[in-house]
Amino acid sequence: MNDAICRQIDGAVDRRGQAGAGLGRLLVCFLGASILVTACSGSPAPDSRPNVLLITVDTLRADRLSCYGYEGHQTPHMDALAASGALFETAFCDVTWTTPSMASVMTGTYATVHGMKVTPQRLDPGNLTMAEILSEHGYTTAAIIGSLPLDSIWGLDQGFAFYDDEFTTPLVLTDNAEDLRHVESEFSEDPDEMRKMVWQKSRNDGRRTDPEVTAAAFGWMETMLQEPFFLWVHYFGPHSRPDRRQSYLENAARHCREYDGYIRETDIEIGRLLARVAALGLDANTLVVFHSDHGESLGEHKVVGHGKNLLEPTLRIPLIVSFPGRVGQGIRVTGLARNVDLLPTILDFADIEQPQGLDGESLAPAIGLEGETKTRLLPPERSMYAETYQPTQALFARHVTLPDGSKTKVGIAHQGVRTPEWKLVRTHPVPFSGRDAETYPEAPPSVLDDFHTEMLFTLREDPAELDDVSGEQSEMALLLRAVLDQFLESEQRGLRAEKIAIDQETRDRLRALGYASE
């Protein structure tokens, strides 16, 4: 283990030496112009820079943690972390499945900017990542990854000196339990070749257990070369364990039964991880950011899983930030927090200047020591973009019956805008690719028309999103439609670093409609 770590670190140091100047590179951005990503002038002294520990728990719902009010079980270690810092009561991801959501976290930009939509697809190396920025400013960077969707083949290893994605356990259960083998991860532009590799990897060594993730993190910390460090630890957590020998309904029912138990197991591992940080004397100068990549539907709207829609159970995530002496204890923050805010928040605490063109904004001002109140409020005009293109992939496309009785599939995409009180979701059909696409007839326009929808929900009065109020709230729908169109227009023009913001006039109109209080 130690030799492998040292070899990977040595290789990464060589790569960083060759590409060091590249971190001051030009990014293609706003209106076809180019902007220079600004480097921090005069980094803080080494002893003043915090270590950064980013803990990601896959598929974790906020409302299943006792610190968020859940009464079904206790999550004492997550609760203790929340008590030591700030808990964000309403935090959200921008994409409801793992790979693109974590691309948004690592770049501080929405998928309209970083460009990651579906698999097979790699993160464009033109993106500037959290690990690259911190590495450029003297941080030792490492990642311990729990499952295949964050394998280095997808490009999320950008900037990491050490990226441990060695898996041991099947991601999907089949009849081959007696004949498991290592499958090498390889990226291919051919969707069919990628599908074959992903399937073989998933049924052999597509993930590892949470205790194995913790052990790997321990191993890296014991061989850490120097501080400050940035360590990303990703737990598979309560993600489903599909069994191909069972039906969809059997798998769904088992997942709902087992979900809480897996959370309790992950809570234990987080406790072990934080205890080791403390035992090494690192806790006093370590910024801990705890979150999930996305949530999970557990029967709401008759859905079990994630990635298929933009409903609240899959968009909402837990978010806790703890940093002794810099973040107040026991703070509860209301208002809309976003996964794209993590990068600027971490850079803020590390006293590193923000790159231009981020969609996220630092949460640090809301959780500092200033002020006696334990309840803080983010600005009420905050909004966010969200999307999922997972249903455009053949495996997740919609099954439909054509007028002649034959069967086919239709790929669909969901795109939306969320504010603290409103959400607009637009759905439209998108062709899917891969071998499956050739075996299904193309749906006629009369069928595709049924997949063009736009729905508006008032989340304060209808948190379960049961009633579309776009007809009753036509002016609100018009305003949010215009905001959504801005996001999509910037993507279509290829404006990588464009940041969409609601202008003051639109904010005033939204406020007048009851969108937010002063």
Protein backbone atom coordinates (compact mmCIF):
# COMPACT_ATOMS: atom_id res chain seq x y z
CA MET A 1 0.00 0.00 0.00
CA ASN A 2 2.71 2.52 1.02
CA ASP A 3 4.82 1.80 -2.08
CA ALA A 4 1.78 2.24 -4.33
CA ILE A 5 0.97 5.56 -2.68
CA CYS A 6 4.54 6.81 -3.09
CA ARG A 7 4.66 5.79 -6.76
CA GLN A 8 1.42 7.61 -7.54
CA ILE A 9 2.52 10.71 -5.65
CA ASP A 10 5.88 10.73 -7.47
CA GLY A 11 4.12 10.42 -10.82
CA ALA A 12 1.72 13.22 -9.97
CA VAL A 13 4.57 15.49 -8.87
CA ASP A 14 6.19 14.94 -12.25
CA ARG A 15 2.94 15.76 -14.04
CA ARG A 16 2.45 18.88 -11.94
CA GLY A 17 5.97 20.00 -12.74
CA GLN A 18 5.32 19.70 -16.46
CA ALA A 19 1.93 21.37 -16.33
CA GLY A 20 2.42 23.86 -13.50
CA ALA A 21 2.19 26.86 -15.77
CA GLY A 22 -1.01 25.47 -17.20
CA LEU A 23 -2.97 26.36 -14.08
CA GLY A 24 -2.64 29.99 -15.03
CA ARG A 25 -4.31 29.14 -18.30
CA LEU A 26 -6.93 30.82 -20.36
CA LEU A 27 -10.46 29.49 -20.18
CA VAL A 28 -12.86 30.08 -23.05
CA CYS A 29 -15.74 32.00 -21.52
CA PHE A 30 -18.33 34.82 -21.63
CA LEU A 31 -19.51 35.94 -25.06
CA GLY A 32 -16.64 34.30 -26.87
CA ALA A 33 -14.03 36.32 -25.00
CA SER A 34 -11.17 34.83 -22.99
CA ILE A 35 -10.40 35.49 -19.39
CA LEU A 36 -7.34 34.64 -17.41
CA VAL A 37 -7.98 32.53 -14.32
CA THR A 38 -6.46 34.66 -11.62
CA ALA A 39 -3.94 33.03 -9.31
CA CYS A 40 -3.72 34.01 -5.70
CA SER A 41 -1.17 36.74 -5.19
CA GLY A 42 0.78 35.84 -2.11
CA SER A 43 -0.54 32.55 -0.70
CA PRO A 44 -1.01 32.36 3.06
CA ALA A 45 1.88 31.11 5.15
CA PRO A 46 1.88 27.30 5.36
CA ASP A 47 0.98 27.25 9.07
CA SER A 48 -2.10 29.42 8.46
CA ARG A 49 -3.62 27.37 5.66
CA PRO A 50 -6.22 24.84 6.76
CA ASN A 51 -6.27 21.23 5.73
CA VAL A 52 -9.41 20.37 3.78
CA LEU A 53 -11.34 17.14 4.32
CA LEU A 54 -14.23 16.70 1.88
CA ILE A 55 -16.50 13.79 2.87
CA THR A 56 -19.01 12.63 0.26
CA VAL A 57 -21.64 10.02 1.12
CA ASP A 58 -23.31 8.62 -1.97
CA THR A 59 -27.11 8.76 -2.28
CA LEU A 60 -27.68 10.19 1.20
CA ARG A 61 -30.96 11.93 2.00
CA ALA A 62 -30.77 14.81 4.47
CA ASP A 63 -34.07 13.87 6.07
CA ARG A 64 -32.72 10.45 7.14
CA LEU A 65 -30.15 11.99 9.54
CA SER A 66 -31.14 12.64 13.16
CA CYS A 67 -29.39 16.04 13.05
CA TYR A 68 -31.96 16.94 10.36
CA GLY A 69 -34.83 15.78 12.57
CA TYR A 70 -35.19 12.13 11.59
CA GLU A 71 -36.60 10.03 14.41
CA GLY A 72 -36.23 6.58 12.84
CA HIS A 73 -32.64 6.16 14.07
CA GLN A 74 -29.67 8.10 15.39
CA THR A 75 -26.61 9.20 13.40
CA PRO A 76 -24.41 10.28 16.32
CA HIS A 77 -21.19 10.97 14.45
CA MET A 78 -22.84 13.07 11.75
CA ASP A 79 -24.80 14.80 14.53
CA ALA A 80 -21.57 15.57 16.40
CA LEU A 81 -20.07 17.07 13.27
CA ALA A 82 -23.14 19.27 12.86
CA ALA A 83 -22.97 20.33 16.52
CA SER A 84 -19.34 21.39 16.02
CA GLY A 85 -20.13 23.58 13.02
CA ALA A 86 -22.86 24.70 10.63
CA LEU A 87 -25.70 22.64 9.20
CA PHE A 88 -27.44 23.86 6.04
CA GLU A 89 -31.11 22.98 6.32
CA THR A 90 -31.96 23.23 2.61
CA ALA A 91 -29.00 22.30 0.41
CA PHE A 92 -29.31 20.88 -3.10
CA CYS A 93 -27.30 19.26 -5.88
CA ASP A 94 -27.62 20.42 -9.47
CA VAL A 95 -27.60 16.94 -11.08
CA THR A 96 -29.34 13.97 -9.47
CA TRP A 97 -26.72 11.33 -10.22
CA THR A 98 -23.14 10.92 -9.14
CA THR A 99 -20.65 11.66 -11.90
CA PRO A 100 -21.89 15.02 -13.23
CA SER A 101 -22.94 16.16 -9.74
CA MET A 102 -19.40 15.68 -8.45
CA ALA A 103 -18.05 17.39 -11.57
CA SER A 104 -20.14 20.40 -10.47
CA VAL A 105 -18.68 20.19 -6.96
CA MET A 106 -15.12 19.98 -8.24
CA THR A 107 -15.47 22.86 -10.73
CA GLY A 108 -17.94 25.13 -8.91
CA THR A 109 -19.95 25.30 -12.13
CA TYR A 110 -23.17 23.81 -13.43
CA ALA A 111 -23.28 21.09 -16.06
CA THR A 112 -24.11 23.77 -18.64
CA VAL A 113 -20.54 24.97 -18.07
CA HIS A 114 -18.43 21.90 -17.27
CA GLY A 115 -20.27 19.94 -19.94
CA MET A 116 -20.59 16.54 -18.27
CA LYS A 117 -24.00 15.10 -19.14
CA VAL A 118 -23.97 11.35 -19.72
CA THR A 119 -21.64 8.39 -19.89
CA PRO A 120 -19.44 7.54 -21.69
CA GLN A 121 -18.08 11.03 -21.20
CA ARG A 122 -15.00 12.43 -19.48
CA LEU A 123 -14.67 15.74 -17.70
CA ASP A 124 -13.20 18.19 -20.21
CA PRO A 125 -9.60 18.93 -19.10
CA GLY A 126 -10.26 22.58 -19.91
CA ASN A 127 -12.18 22.78 -16.66
CA LEU A 128 -10.29 24.06 -13.62
CA THR A 129 -10.89 21.80 -10.63
CA MET A 130 -10.72 22.17 -6.86
CA ALA A 131 -7.76 19.79 -6.68
CA GLU A 132 -5.86 21.71 -9.36
CA ILE A 133 -6.35 25.04 -7.62
CA LEU A 134 -5.37 23.71 -4.20
CA SER A 135 -2.40 21.83 -5.65
CA GLU A 136 -1.17 25.01 -7.32
CA HIS A 137 -1.28 26.69 -3.91
CA GLY A 138 0.85 24.11 -2.17
CA TYR A 139 -1.70 21.54 -1.05
CA THR A 140 -1.01 17.81 -1.10
CA THR A 141 -4.06 16.35 -2.83
CA ALA A 142 -5.57 12.86 -2.49
CA ALA A 143 -8.88 11.10 -3.12
CA ILE A 144 -10.21 7.81 -1.76
CA ILE A 145 -13.08 6.70 -4.00
CA GLY A 146 -15.80 4.20 -3.12
CA SER A 147 -17.37 3.23 -6.46
CA LEU A 148 -17.12 3.08 -10.24
CA PRO A 149 -19.13 6.24 -11.11
CA LEU A 150 -16.17 8.26 -9.75
CA ASP A 151 -13.44 6.09 -11.28
CA SER A 152 -10.54 8.06 -12.74
CA ILE A 153 -11.64 7.09 -16.25
CA TRP A 154 -14.29 9.83 -16.03
CA GLY A 155 -11.64 12.53 -15.56
CA LEU A 156 -12.48 13.60 -12.03
CA ASP A 157 -8.92 12.80 -10.95
CA GLN A 158 -7.76 16.12 -12.44
CA GLY A 159 -5.33 17.76 -10.03
CA PHE A 160 -5.06 14.88 -7.56
CA ALA A 161 -1.55 13.65 -6.78
CA PHE A 162 -3.06 10.41 -5.44
CA TYR A 163 -6.38 9.02 -6.65
CA ASP A 164 -7.24 5.67 -5.09
CA ASP A 165 -10.02 3.98 -7.05
CA GLU A 166 -9.07 0.36 -6.43
CA PHE A 167 -12.36 -1.48 -5.89
CA THR A 168 -12.92 -4.93 -4.44
CA THR A 169 -16.63 -5.74 -4.42
CA PRO A 170 -19.41 -6.13 -7.02
CA LEU A 171 -21.55 -3.06 -7.59
CA VAL A 172 -24.27 -5.29 -9.07
CA LEU A 173 -24.98 -8.74 -7.65
CA THR A 174 -25.21 -11.68 -10.07
CA ASP A 175 -24.54 -15.42 -10.09
CA ASN A 176 -20.77 -14.99 -10.47
CA ALA A 177 -19.99 -14.64 -6.74
CA GLU A 178 -17.65 -17.66 -6.90
CA ASP A 179 -15.76 -16.36 -9.90
CA LEU A 180 -14.99 -12.69 -9.15
CA ARG A 181 -12.01 -11.10 -10.91
CA HIS A 182 -10.36 -7.73 -11.38
CA VAL A 183 -11.58 -5.83 -14.43
CA GLU A 184 -9.34 -3.05 -15.66
CA SER A 185 -11.08 0.32 -16.08
CA GLU A 186 -10.62 1.61 -19.59
CA PHE A 187 -12.28 4.54 -21.31
CA SER A 188 -13.58 4.20 -24.86
CA GLU A 189 -15.40 6.62 -27.13
CA ASP A 190 -17.50 3.67 -28.32
CA PRO A 191 -20.66 3.56 -26.17
CA ASP A 192 -21.03 -0.18 -26.68
CA GLU A 193 -17.46 -0.91 -25.62
CA MET A 194 -17.92 1.29 -22.56
CA ARG A 195 -21.15 -0.45 -21.69
CA LYS A 196 -19.42 -3.82 -21.83
CA MET A 197 -16.58 -2.64 -19.61
CA VAL A 198 -18.90 -0.98 -17.09
CA TRP A 199 -21.06 -4.10 -16.89
CA GLN A 200 -18.07 -6.39 -16.35
CA LYS A 201 -16.56 -4.01 -13.80
CA SER A 202 -19.89 -3.63 -11.98
CA ARG A 203 -20.41 -7.37 -11.55
CA ASN A 204 -16.84 -7.99 -10.37
CA ASP A 205 -15.07 -5.09 -8.64
CA GLY A 206 -17.18 -1.96 -9.09
CA ARG A 207 -17.08 -0.62 -5.52
CA ARG A 208 -15.61 -1.18 -2.08
CA THR A 209 -17.11 -1.27 1.36
CA ASP A 210 -17.23 1.76 3.62
CA PRO A 211 -14.77 0.21 6.12
CA GLU A 212 -12.35 -0.34 3.22
CA VAL A 213 -12.69 3.33 2.26
CA THR A 214 -11.89 4.36 5.82
CA ALA A 215 -8.89 2.01 5.94
CA ALA A 216 -7.54 3.45 2.68
CA ALA A 217 -7.94 6.98 4.06
CA PHE A 218 -6.02 5.92 7.18
CA GLY A 219 -3.27 4.50 4.99
CA TRP A 220 -2.90 7.73 3.06
CA MET A 221 -2.89 9.92 6.17
CA GLU A 222 -0.11 7.79 7.67
CA THR A 223 2.09 8.38 4.62
CA MET A 224 1.07 11.99 4.01
CA LEU A 225 4.09 13.97 2.85
CA GLN A 226 3.20 17.39 4.21
CA GLU A 227 0.49 19.81 5.22
CA PRO A 228 -1.67 21.47 4.12
CA PHE A 229 -3.57 18.64 2.48
CA PHE A 230 -6.81 18.25 0.55
CA LEU A 231 -8.33 14.81 1.12
CA TRP A 232 -11.56 13.77 -0.59
CA VAL A 233 -13.16 10.66 0.91
CA HIS A 234 -16.11 9.15 -0.94
CA TYR A 235 -18.31 6.53 0.74
CA PHE A 236 -20.70 4.29 -1.20
CA GLY A 237 -23.00 4.68 1.81
CA PRO A 238 -26.70 3.81 1.39
CA HIS A 239 -26.55 3.46 -2.39
CA SER A 240 -28.63 0.55 -3.63
CA ARG A 241 -27.02 -2.85 -4.23
CA PRO A 242 -28.96 -4.10 -7.29
CA ASP A 243 -29.37 -7.85 -7.60
CA ARG A 244 -29.89 -9.01 -11.18
CA ARG A 245 -31.51 -12.19 -9.86
CA GLN A 246 -34.40 -10.18 -8.43
CA SER A 247 -37.12 -8.18 -10.14
CA TYR A 248 -37.21 -4.39 -10.11
CA LEU A 249 -39.97 -4.40 -7.49
CA GLU A 250 -38.05 -6.84 -5.28
CA ASN A 251 -34.90 -4.72 -5.53
CA ALA A 252 -36.83 -1.52 -4.81
CA ALA A 253 -38.54 -2.97 -1.75
CA ARG A 254 -35.27 -4.37 -0.38
CA HIS A 255 -33.48 -1.05 -0.95
CA CYS A 256 -36.16 0.84 0.99
CA ARG A 257 -35.90 -1.66 3.85
CA GLU A 258 -32.09 -1.57 4.00
CA TYR A 259 -31.54 2.13 3.38
CA ASP A 260 -31.49 3.30 7.02
CA GLY A 261 -29.24 0.44 8.11
CA TYR A 262 -26.58 1.38 5.57
CA ILE A 263 -26.71 4.99 6.80
CA ARG A 264 -25.98 3.84 10.34
CA GLU A 265 -23.02 1.81 9.09
CA THR A 266 -21.63 4.80 7.20
CA ASP A 267 -22.11 6.98 10.27
CA ILE A 268 -19.78 4.64 12.18
CA GLU A 269 -17.12 4.98 9.47
CA ILE A 270 -17.34 8.76 9.50
CA GLY A 271 -16.85 8.63 13.26
CA ARG A 272 -13.73 6.47 12.78
CA LEU A 273 -12.38 8.83 10.12
CA LEU A 274 -12.85 11.96 12.21
CA ALA A 275 -11.41 10.22 15.28
CA ARG A 276 -8.24 9.42 13.33
CA VAL A 277 -7.93 13.04 12.18
CA ALA A 278 -8.16 14.07 15.83
CA ALA A 279 -5.70 11.40 16.97
CA LEU A 280 -3.15 12.72 14.48
CA GLY A 281 -3.57 16.20 15.94
CA LEU A 282 -5.00 17.54 12.68
CA ASP A 283 -8.53 18.45 13.76
CA ALA A 284 -7.76 21.96 15.04
CA ASN A 285 -6.61 23.08 11.62
CA THR A 286 -8.86 21.02 9.35
CA LEU A 287 -11.90 22.33 7.48
CA VAL A 288 -14.41 19.48 7.20
CA VAL A 289 -17.09 19.66 4.51
CA PHE A 290 -19.65 16.85 4.65
CA HIS A 291 -22.27 16.39 1.93
CA SER A 292 -23.94 13.98 -0.47
CA ASP A 293 -23.69 13.88 -4.25
CA HIS A 294 -27.49 13.57 -4.52
CA GLY A 295 -30.49 12.28 -2.63
CA GLU A 296 -32.73 9.29 -3.23
CA SER A 297 -36.40 8.67 -3.95
CA LEU A 298 -37.82 6.00 -1.66
CA GLY A 299 -41.30 5.62 -3.11
CA GLU A 300 -42.28 9.27 -3.62
CA HIS A 301 -44.15 9.64 -6.91
CA LYS A 302 -43.87 5.83 -7.13
CA VAL A 303 -40.13 6.13 -7.83
CA VAL A 304 -37.26 4.38 -6.08
CA GLY A 305 -33.79 5.53 -7.06
CA HIS A 306 -32.22 8.70 -8.42
CA GLY A 307 -31.20 10.37 -11.67
CA LYS A 308 -34.56 9.93 -13.34
CA ASN A 309 -36.10 13.27 -12.32
CA LEU A 310 -35.62 16.58 -10.51
CA LEU A 311 -37.95 15.91 -7.60
CA GLU A 312 -37.00 17.13 -4.11
CA PRO A 313 -36.01 13.72 -2.64
CA THR A 314 -33.22 13.39 -5.21
CA LEU A 315 -32.21 17.08 -5.34
CA ARG A 316 -31.97 17.73 -1.61
CA ILE A 317 -28.71 16.81 0.13
CA PRO A 318 -27.19 17.17 3.59
CA LEU A 319 -24.45 19.78 3.97
CA ILE A 320 -22.38 20.38 7.10
CA VAL A 321 -19.28 22.56 7.45
CA SER A 322 -17.04 22.43 10.52
CA PHE A 323 -13.81 24.32 11.24
CA PRO A 324 -12.75 25.00 14.85
CA GLY A 325 -12.26 28.68 15.55
CA ARG A 326 -13.54 29.74 12.13
CA VAL A 327 -17.09 28.36 11.99
CA GLY A 328 -19.53 28.87 14.83
CA GLN A 329 -20.79 25.80 16.67
CA GLY A 330 -24.34 24.54 16.35
CA ILE A 331 -25.29 26.98 13.59
CA ARG A 332 -28.37 26.24 11.48
CA VAL A 333 -28.46 27.98 8.11
CA THR A 334 -31.72 28.47 6.22
CA GLY A 335 -32.02 29.48 2.59
CA LEU A 336 -30.86 27.81 -0.60
CA ALA A 337 -27.35 26.29 -0.51
CA ARG A 338 -25.95 24.52 -3.60
CA ASN A 339 -23.30 21.93 -4.36
CA VAL A 340 -21.58 24.44 -6.68
CA ASP A 341 -20.99 26.60 -3.58
CA LEU A 342 -18.53 24.11 -2.08
CA LEU A 343 -15.53 25.09 -4.22
CA PRO A 344 -15.76 28.86 -3.55
CA THR A 345 -16.43 28.16 0.15
CA ILE A 346 -13.32 26.00 0.49
CA LEU A 347 -11.20 28.54 -1.39
CA ASP A 348 -12.55 31.29 0.86
CA PHE A 349 -11.45 29.49 4.02
CA ALA A 350 -8.07 28.73 2.42
CA ASP A 351 -7.67 32.43 1.55
CA ILE A 352 -7.29 31.63 -2.15
CA GLU A 353 -8.69 34.04 -4.72
CA GLN A 354 -11.74 32.78 -6.60
CA PRO A 355 -11.37 31.96 -10.31
CA GLN A 356 -13.67 33.94 -12.54
CA GLY A 357 -16.77 32.35 -13.99
CA LEU A 358 -17.89 30.20 -11.06
CA ASP A 359 -21.61 29.55 -10.66
CA GLY A 360 -21.21 28.98 -6.94
CA GLU A 361 -20.70 31.55 -4.21
CA SER A 362 -18.93 31.20 -0.88
CA LEU A 363 -21.05 30.17 2.09
CA ALA A 364 -18.37 31.31 4.54
CA PRO A 365 -19.97 34.69 5.35
CA ALA A 366 -23.09 32.92 6.67
CA ILE A 367 -21.24 30.59 9.04
CA GLY A 368 -18.41 32.64 10.54
CA LEU A 369 -18.02 33.35 14.23
CA GLU A 370 -19.45 36.85 13.94
CA GLY A 371 -22.92 37.23 15.41
CA GLU A 372 -24.46 35.55 18.40
CA THR A 373 -27.48 33.98 16.71
CA LYS A 374 -27.32 30.28 15.93
CA THR A 375 -29.74 30.66 13.03
CA ARG A 376 -28.38 32.26 9.88
CA LEU A 377 -30.14 33.15 6.62
CA LEU A 378 -28.68 33.00 3.13
CA PRO A 379 -29.77 35.80 0.75
CA PRO A 380 -33.41 35.14 -0.25
CA GLU A 381 -32.84 35.83 -3.94
CA ARG A 382 -30.51 32.84 -4.41
CA SER A 383 -31.51 30.45 -7.19
CA MET A 384 -30.02 27.42 -8.91
CA TYR A 385 -30.06 25.49 -12.15
CA ALA A 386 -30.64 21.71 -12.19
CA GLU A 387 -30.73 19.02 -14.84
CA THR A 388 -30.57 15.31 -15.47
CA TYR A 389 -29.79 13.65 -18.77
CA GLN A 390 -29.67 10.17 -17.31
CA PRO A 391 -33.04 9.24 -18.91
CA THR A 392 -31.50 9.95 -22.33
CA GLN A 393 -29.39 6.82 -21.90
CA ALA A 394 -30.85 3.62 -23.30
CA LEU A 395 -30.89 1.84 -19.95
CA PHE A 396 -33.03 4.58 -18.36
CA ALA A 397 -35.13 5.70 -21.35
CA ARG A 398 -38.94 5.55 -21.18
CA HIS A 399 -40.75 2.52 -22.56
CA VAL A 400 -43.73 3.53 -24.70
CA THR A 401 -46.30 1.78 -26.87
CA LEU A 402 -46.71 3.15 -30.40
CA PRO A 403 -50.10 3.56 -32.12
CA ASP A 404 -49.55 0.29 -34.06
CA GLY A 405 -48.98 -1.61 -30.78
CA SER A 406 -45.22 -1.98 -31.15
CA LYS A 407 -42.85 -1.04 -28.34
CA THR A 408 -40.05 1.51 -28.34
CA LYS A 409 -38.03 3.76 -26.03
CA VAL A 410 -37.86 7.54 -25.76
CA GLY A 411 -34.95 9.36 -24.19
CA ILE A 412 -35.88 12.43 -22.15
CA ALA A 413 -34.05 15.23 -20.36
CA HIS A 414 -35.19 17.34 -17.40
CA GLN A 415 -33.94 20.89 -16.88
CA GLY A 416 -35.09 23.29 -14.22
CA VAL A 417 -34.65 26.34 -12.05
CA ARG A 418 -35.17 26.29 -8.29
CA THR A 419 -35.56 29.20 -5.89
CA PRO A 420 -36.22 28.94 -2.14
CA GLU A 421 -39.94 28.73 -2.81
CA TRP A 422 -40.48 27.83 -6.46
CA LYS A 423 -39.32 25.26 -8.99
CA LEU A 424 -39.84 25.19 -12.75
CA VAL A 425 -39.05 21.90 -14.54
CA ARG A 426 -38.96 21.52 -18.31
CA THR A 427 -38.98 18.07 -19.90
CA HIS A 428 -38.28 17.25 -23.54
CA PRO A 429 -37.41 14.16 -25.63
CA VAL A 430 -33.77 13.57 -26.61
CA PRO A 431 -32.49 10.82 -28.93
CA PHE A 432 -30.50 8.13 -27.14
CA SER A 433 -27.49 6.33 -28.55
CA GLY A 434 -25.81 2.95 -28.31
CA ARG A 435 -26.67 -0.45 -29.68
CA ASP A 436 -30.13 -0.39 -28.10
CA ALA A 437 -31.08 2.64 -30.18
CA GLU A 438 -30.82 0.61 -33.37
CA THR A 439 -33.24 -2.03 -32.12
CA TYR A 440 -36.09 0.36 -31.31
CA PRO A 441 -38.22 2.17 -33.89
CA GLU A 442 -38.23 5.95 -33.85
CA ALA A 443 -41.25 7.42 -32.11
CA PRO A 444 -43.47 9.65 -34.30
CA PRO A 445 -44.01 13.34 -33.41
CA SER A 446 -47.48 12.57 -32.06
CA VAL A 447 -45.87 10.39 -29.37
CA LEU A 448 -42.91 12.70 -28.71
CA ASP A 449 -45.26 15.63 -28.13
CA ASP A 450 -46.44 13.98 -24.92
CA PHE A 451 -42.91 14.29 -23.51
CA HIS A 452 -42.76 18.07 -23.96
CA THR A 453 -43.88 19.46 -20.60
CA GLU A 454 -43.21 22.41 -18.34
CA MET A 455 -44.36 22.37 -14.72
CA LEU A 456 -44.22 24.91 -11.92
CA PHE A 457 -44.38 23.98 -8.24
CA THR A 458 -44.84 26.22 -5.22
CA LEU A 459 -42.70 24.41 -2.69
CA ARG A 460 -43.92 26.24 0.39
CA GLU A 461 -47.53 25.17 -0.11
CA ASP A 462 -46.88 21.94 -2.02
CA PRO A 463 -43.58 20.40 -0.80
CA ALA A 464 -44.53 17.01 -2.29
CA GLU A 465 -44.79 18.58 -5.78
CA LEU A 466 -48.21 17.16 -6.52
CA ASP A 467 -49.79 20.13 -8.32
CA ASP A 468 -48.55 22.00 -11.38
CA VAL A 469 -49.49 25.67 -10.86
CA SER A 470 -48.01 27.07 -14.08
CA GLY A 471 -51.50 28.02 -15.28
CA GLU A 472 -52.47 29.80 -12.06
CA GLN A 473 -49.05 31.45 -11.62
CA SER A 474 -48.40 32.41 -15.23
CA GLU A 475 -46.23 35.44 -14.45
CA MET A 476 -44.01 33.44 -12.13
CA ALA A 477 -43.73 30.73 -14.77
CA LEU A 478 -42.77 33.36 -17.34
CA LEU A 479 -40.03 34.80 -15.14
CA LEU A 480 -38.47 31.46 -14.25
CA ARG A 481 -38.76 30.31 -17.86
CA ALA A 482 -36.65 33.31 -18.88
CA VAL A 483 -34.00 32.42 -16.27
CA LEU A 484 -33.92 28.82 -17.47
CA ASP A 485 -33.58 29.95 -21.07
CA GLN A 486 -30.53 32.02 -20.12
CA PHE A 487 -28.78 28.94 -18.78
CA LEU A 488 -29.61 26.91 -21.85
CA GLU A 489 -28.65 29.66 -24.30
CA SER A 490 -25.21 29.98 -22.71
CA GLU A 491 -24.73 26.23 -23.08
CA GLN A 492 -25.79 26.24 -26.72
CA ARG A 493 -23.31 29.00 -27.51
CA GLY A 494 -20.56 27.09 -25.76
CA LEU A 495 -19.80 29.83 -23.25
CA ARG A 496 -17.84 27.71 -20.81
CA ALA A 497 -17.42 30.14 -17.95
CA GLU A 498 -20.57 32.19 -18.24
CA LYS A 499 -22.30 32.78 -14.92
CA ILE A 500 -26.04 33.27 -14.96
CA ALA A 501 -27.48 35.59 -12.36
CA ILE A 502 -30.96 36.98 -11.88
CA ASP A 503 -30.76 40.70 -12.53
CA GLN A 504 -32.15 43.23 -10.04
CA GLU A 505 -35.28 43.93 -12.07
CA THR A 506 -36.16 40.24 -12.18
CA ARG A 507 -35.42 39.90 -8.46
CA ASP A 508 -37.77 42.78 -7.73
CA ARG A 509 -40.53 41.22 -9.82
CA LEU A 510 -40.05 37.86 -8.12
CA ARG A 511 -40.16 39.48 -4.70
CA ALA A 512 -43.33 41.33 -5.64
CA LEU A 513 -44.89 37.99 -6.54
CA GLY A 514 -44.03 36.60 -3.12
CA TYR A 515 -40.91 34.73 -4.27
CA ALA A 516 -38.91 35.90 -1.28
CA SER A 517 -39.20 38.23 1.66
CA GLU A 518 -36.86 41.11 2.28
